[in-house]
Amino acid sequence: MNTKPTLSVDDVEAILAAARRHAEENRWPVTIAVADDGGHLLGMLRLDGAAPLSAHIAPAKARAAALGRRESKGYEDIINQGRYAFLSVPLDGMLEGGVPIVHEGQVVGAVGVSGVKSDEDAQIARAGIAALQS
């Protein structure tokens, strides 16, 4: 039987804390979500001042990155390049800001962030993921 690495509660807490620190240092009011490799929500944090809608979008970005095994920006790029039929894919969160968490070559989950510019959302997600490597 195959075995695979999974995110622990401590991992999720470390990701959320590091992402929060990065967002607060930049004064970015966002929602940060962490999902497992199946796109299921493991933890979420909505910072003060974050728009209520961001609490829906951040988990969707994490789910898209986890299920697709790629950054959610890839989906946004596909659509922006004219492949509008891709909008019929049964997946929310096809916007930049979802970043997969890769451990030993396997996607073990993803972080989704919503609330500021898309590239800043992704930057916060990467800062959270970096906490696992320290």
C-alpha atoms as a PDB file:
ATOM      1  CA  MET A   1       0.000   0.000   0.000  1.00  0.00           C
ATOM      2  CA  ASN A   2       1.237   3.494  -0.785  1.00  0.00           C
ATOM      3  CA  THR A   3       1.754   6.069   1.900  1.00  0.00           C
ATOM      4  CA  LYS A   4       1.727   9.820   1.526  1.00  0.00           C
ATOM      5  CA  PRO A   5       2.660  12.824   3.608  1.00  0.00           C
ATOM      6  CA  THR A   6      -0.188  14.917   5.010  1.00  0.00           C
ATOM      7  CA  LEU A   7      -0.481  18.282   6.702  1.00  0.00           C
ATOM      8  CA  SER A   8      -0.705  18.210  10.478  1.00  0.00           C
ATOM      9  CA  VAL A   9      -2.603  20.635  12.686  1.00  0.00           C
ATOM     10  CA  ASP A  10       0.763  22.149  13.636  1.00  0.00           C
ATOM     11  CA  ASP A  11       1.601  22.629   9.944  1.00  0.00           C
ATOM     12  CA  VAL A  12      -1.698  24.417   9.326  1.00  0.00           C
ATOM     13  CA  GLU A  13      -1.177  26.670  12.334  1.00  0.00           C
ATOM     14  CA  ALA A  14       2.388  27.500  11.202  1.00  0.00           C
ATOM     15  CA  ILE A  15       1.196  28.351   7.686  1.00  0.00           C
ATOM     16  CA  LEU A  16      -1.619  30.575   8.952  1.00  0.00           C
ATOM     17  CA  ALA A  17       0.693  32.356  11.418  1.00  0.00           C
ATOM     18  CA  ALA A  18       3.411  33.055   8.838  1.00  0.00           C
ATOM     19  CA  ALA A  19       0.916  34.186   6.216  1.00  0.00           C
ATOM     20  CA  ARG A  20      -0.801  36.412   8.778  1.00  0.00           C
ATOM     21  CA  ARG A  21       2.520  37.970   9.776  1.00  0.00           C
ATOM     22  CA  HIS A  22       3.331  38.753   6.154  1.00  0.00           C
ATOM     23  CA  ALA A  23      -0.105  40.238   5.515  1.00  0.00           C
ATOM     24  CA  GLU A  24      -0.047  42.359   8.675  1.00  0.00           C
ATOM     25  CA  GLU A  25       3.488  43.626   7.987  1.00  0.00           C
ATOM     26  CA  ASN A  26       2.130  44.960   4.693  1.00  0.00           C
ATOM     27  CA  ARG A  27      -1.200  46.090   6.178  1.00  0.00           C
ATOM     28  CA  TRP A  28      -3.136  43.856   3.830  1.00  0.00           C
ATOM     29  CA  PRO A  29      -6.603  42.843   5.117  1.00  0.00           C
ATOM     30  CA  VAL A  30      -7.078  39.352   3.713  1.00  0.00           C
ATOM     31  CA  THR A  31      -8.543  35.951   4.356  1.00  0.00           C
ATOM     32  CA  ILE A  32      -6.092  33.043   4.404  1.00  0.00           C
ATOM     33  CA  ALA A  33      -7.254  29.458   3.873  1.00  0.00           C
ATOM     34  CA  VAL A  34      -5.382  26.158   4.028  1.00  0.00           C
ATOM     35  CA  ALA A  35      -6.753  23.039   2.348  1.00  0.00           C
ATOM     36  CA  ASP A  36      -5.610  19.426   2.197  1.00  0.00           C
ATOM     37  CA  ASP A  37      -4.737  17.654  -1.059  1.00  0.00           C
ATOM     38  CA  GLY A  38      -8.425  16.977  -1.697  1.00  0.00           C
ATOM     39  CA  GLY A  39      -9.299  20.656  -1.388  1.00  0.00           C
ATOM     40  CA  HIS A  40     -10.973  20.260   2.011  1.00  0.00           C
ATOM     41  CA  LEU A  41     -10.616  23.234   4.326  1.00  0.00           C
ATOM     42  CA  LEU A  42      -8.232  22.618   7.245  1.00  0.00           C
ATOM     43  CA  GLY A  43      -7.980  26.156   8.585  1.00  0.00           C
ATOM     44  CA  MET A  44      -8.943  29.706   7.773  1.00  0.00           C
ATOM     45  CA  LEU A  45      -8.263  33.138   9.177  1.00  0.00           C
ATOM     46  CA  ARG A  46     -10.063  36.336   8.185  1.00  0.00           C
ATOM     47  CA  LEU A  47      -8.024  39.338   9.270  1.00  0.00           C
ATOM     48  CA  ASP A  48      -9.622  42.502  10.592  1.00  0.00           C
ATOM     49  CA  GLY A  49     -10.872  44.640   7.741  1.00  0.00           C
ATOM     50  CA  ALA A  50     -10.989  41.810   5.183  1.00  0.00           C
ATOM     51  CA  ALA A  51     -14.077  41.893   2.988  1.00  0.00           C
ATOM     52  CA  PRO A  52     -16.668  39.234   3.834  1.00  0.00           C
ATOM     53  CA  LEU A  53     -16.508  37.951   0.243  1.00  0.00           C
ATOM     54  CA  SER A  54     -12.831  37.064   0.751  1.00  0.00           C
ATOM     55  CA  ALA A  55     -13.943  34.340   3.189  1.00  0.00           C
ATOM     56  CA  HIS A  56     -15.594  32.596   0.237  1.00  0.00           C
ATOM     57  CA  ILE A  57     -12.878  33.253  -2.337  1.00  0.00           C
ATOM     58  CA  ALA A  58      -9.782  32.227  -0.314  1.00  0.00           C
ATOM     59  CA  PRO A  59     -10.929  28.624   0.325  1.00  0.00           C
ATOM     60  CA  ALA A  60     -11.996  28.351  -3.321  1.00  0.00           C
ATOM     61  CA  LYS A  61      -8.511  29.405  -4.463  1.00  0.00           C
ATOM     62  CA  ALA A  62      -6.937  26.863  -2.099  1.00  0.00           C
ATOM     63  CA  ARG A  63      -9.261  24.142  -3.399  1.00  0.00           C
ATOM     64  CA  ALA A  64      -8.457  25.000  -7.039  1.00  0.00           C
ATOM     65  CA  ALA A  65      -4.707  24.860  -6.366  1.00  0.00           C
ATOM     66  CA  ALA A  66      -4.942  21.599  -4.409  1.00  0.00           C
ATOM     67  CA  LEU A  67      -7.174  19.757  -6.865  1.00  0.00           C
ATOM     68  CA  GLY A  68      -5.362  21.075  -9.919  1.00  0.00           C
ATOM     69  CA  ARG A  69      -1.916  20.489  -8.434  1.00  0.00           C
ATOM     70  CA  ARG A  70      -0.875  23.912  -9.723  1.00  0.00           C
ATOM     71  CA  GLU A  71      -1.154  27.585  -8.862  1.00  0.00           C
ATOM     72  CA  SER A  72      -4.648  28.898  -9.462  1.00  0.00           C
ATOM     73  CA  LYS A  73      -3.130  31.665 -11.604  1.00  0.00           C
ATOM     74  CA  GLY A  74      -2.718  29.057 -14.341  1.00  0.00           C
ATOM     75  CA  TYR A  75      -6.479  28.797 -14.690  1.00  0.00           C
ATOM     76  CA  GLU A  76      -6.874  32.559 -14.767  1.00  0.00           C
ATOM     77  CA  ASP A  77      -4.239  32.758 -17.513  1.00  0.00           C
ATOM     78  CA  ILE A  78      -5.977  30.065 -19.582  1.00  0.00           C
ATOM     79  CA  ILE A  79      -9.253  31.982 -19.449  1.00  0.00           C
ATOM     80  CA  ASN A  80      -7.623  35.378 -20.086  1.00  0.00           C
ATOM     81  CA  GLN A  81      -5.914  33.946 -23.157  1.00  0.00           C
ATOM     82  CA  GLY A  82      -9.317  33.278 -24.681  1.00  0.00           C
ATOM     83  CA  ARG A  83     -10.211  29.745 -23.667  1.00  0.00           C
ATOM     84  CA  TYR A  84     -13.565  30.833 -22.285  1.00  0.00           C
ATOM     85  CA  ALA A  85     -14.968  27.306 -22.399  1.00  0.00           C
ATOM     86  CA  PHE A  86     -12.785  26.653 -19.359  1.00  0.00           C
ATOM     87  CA  LEU A  87     -15.292  28.710 -17.357  1.00  0.00           C
ATOM     88  CA  SER A  88     -17.598  25.670 -17.517  1.00  0.00           C
ATOM     89  CA  VAL A  89     -15.167  23.630 -15.389  1.00  0.00           C
ATOM     90  CA  PRO A  90     -16.904  22.800 -12.099  1.00  0.00           C
ATOM     91  CA  LEU A  91     -14.344  24.624  -9.976  1.00  0.00           C
ATOM     92  CA  ASP A  92     -14.427  27.947  -8.161  1.00  0.00           C
ATOM     93  CA  GLY A  93     -11.345  29.962  -7.316  1.00  0.00           C
ATOM     94  CA  MET A  94      -9.751  30.120 -10.736  1.00  0.00           C
ATOM     95  CA  LEU A  95      -7.997  33.384  -9.837  1.00  0.00           C
ATOM     96  CA  GLU A  96      -4.411  34.058  -8.806  1.00  0.00           C
ATOM     97  CA  GLY A  97      -3.801  33.569  -5.096  1.00  0.00           C
ATOM     98  CA  GLY A  98      -3.987  29.791  -4.675  1.00  0.00           C
ATOM     99  CA  VAL A  99      -0.612  28.069  -4.248  1.00  0.00           C
ATOM    100  CA  PRO A 100      -0.055  24.317  -3.826  1.00  0.00           C
ATOM    101  CA  ILE A 101       2.012  22.978  -0.936  1.00  0.00           C
ATOM    102  CA  VAL A 102       4.516  20.471  -2.293  1.00  0.00           C
ATOM    103  CA  HIS A 103       6.416  18.078  -0.026  1.00  0.00           C
ATOM    104  CA  GLU A 104       8.812  15.468  -1.415  1.00  0.00           C
ATOM    105  CA  GLY A 105       7.367  15.991  -4.885  1.00  0.00           C
ATOM    106  CA  GLN A 106       3.754  15.484  -3.801  1.00  0.00           C
ATOM    107  CA  VAL A 107       1.032  18.078  -3.404  1.00  0.00           C
ATOM    108  CA  VAL A 108      -0.146  17.780   0.201  1.00  0.00           C
ATOM    109  CA  GLY A 109      -2.474  20.762   0.166  1.00  0.00           C
ATOM    110  CA  ALA A 110      -2.695  24.414  -0.805  1.00  0.00           C
ATOM    111  CA  VAL A 111      -3.025  27.918   0.549  1.00  0.00           C
ATOM    112  CA  GLY A 112      -5.535  30.382  -0.858  1.00  0.00           C
ATOM    113  CA  VAL A 113      -5.552  34.081  -0.070  1.00  0.00           C
ATOM    114  CA  SER A 114      -8.057  36.769  -1.026  1.00  0.00           C
ATOM    115  CA  GLY A 115      -8.378  40.445  -0.255  1.00  0.00           C
ATOM    116  CA  VAL A 116      -5.669  42.434  -2.027  1.00  0.00           C
ATOM    117  CA  LYS A 117      -4.130  42.428  -5.521  1.00  0.00           C
ATOM    118  CA  SER A 118      -3.863  38.916  -6.892  1.00  0.00           C
ATOM    119  CA  ASP A 119      -0.061  38.871  -6.979  1.00  0.00           C
ATOM    120  CA  GLU A 120      -0.039  40.066  -3.355  1.00  0.00           C
ATOM    121  CA  ASP A 121      -2.488  37.297  -2.421  1.00  0.00           C
ATOM    122  CA  ALA A 122      -0.067  34.765  -3.928  1.00  0.00           C
ATOM    123  CA  GLN A 123       2.853  36.400  -2.130  1.00  0.00           C
ATOM    124  CA  ILE A 124       1.079  35.933   1.217  1.00  0.00           C
ATOM    125  CA  ALA A 125       0.315  32.289   0.375  1.00  0.00           C
ATOM    126  CA  ARG A 126       3.981  31.632  -0.438  1.00  0.00           C
ATOM    127  CA  ALA A 127       5.066  33.289   2.816  1.00  0.00           C
ATOM    128  CA  GLY A 128       2.815  30.896   4.692  1.00  0.00           C
ATOM    129  CA  ILE A 129       4.129  27.857   2.849  1.00  0.00           C
ATOM    130  CA  ALA A 130       7.723  28.958   3.517  1.00  0.00           C
ATOM    131  CA  ALA A 131       7.076  28.401   7.241  1.00  0.00           C
ATOM    132  CA  LEU A 132       7.116  24.648   6.585  1.00  0.00           C
ATOM    133  CA  GLN A 133      10.630  24.805   5.183  1.00  0.00           C
ATOM    134  CA  SER A 134      12.199  26.503   8.196  1.00  0.00           C
END
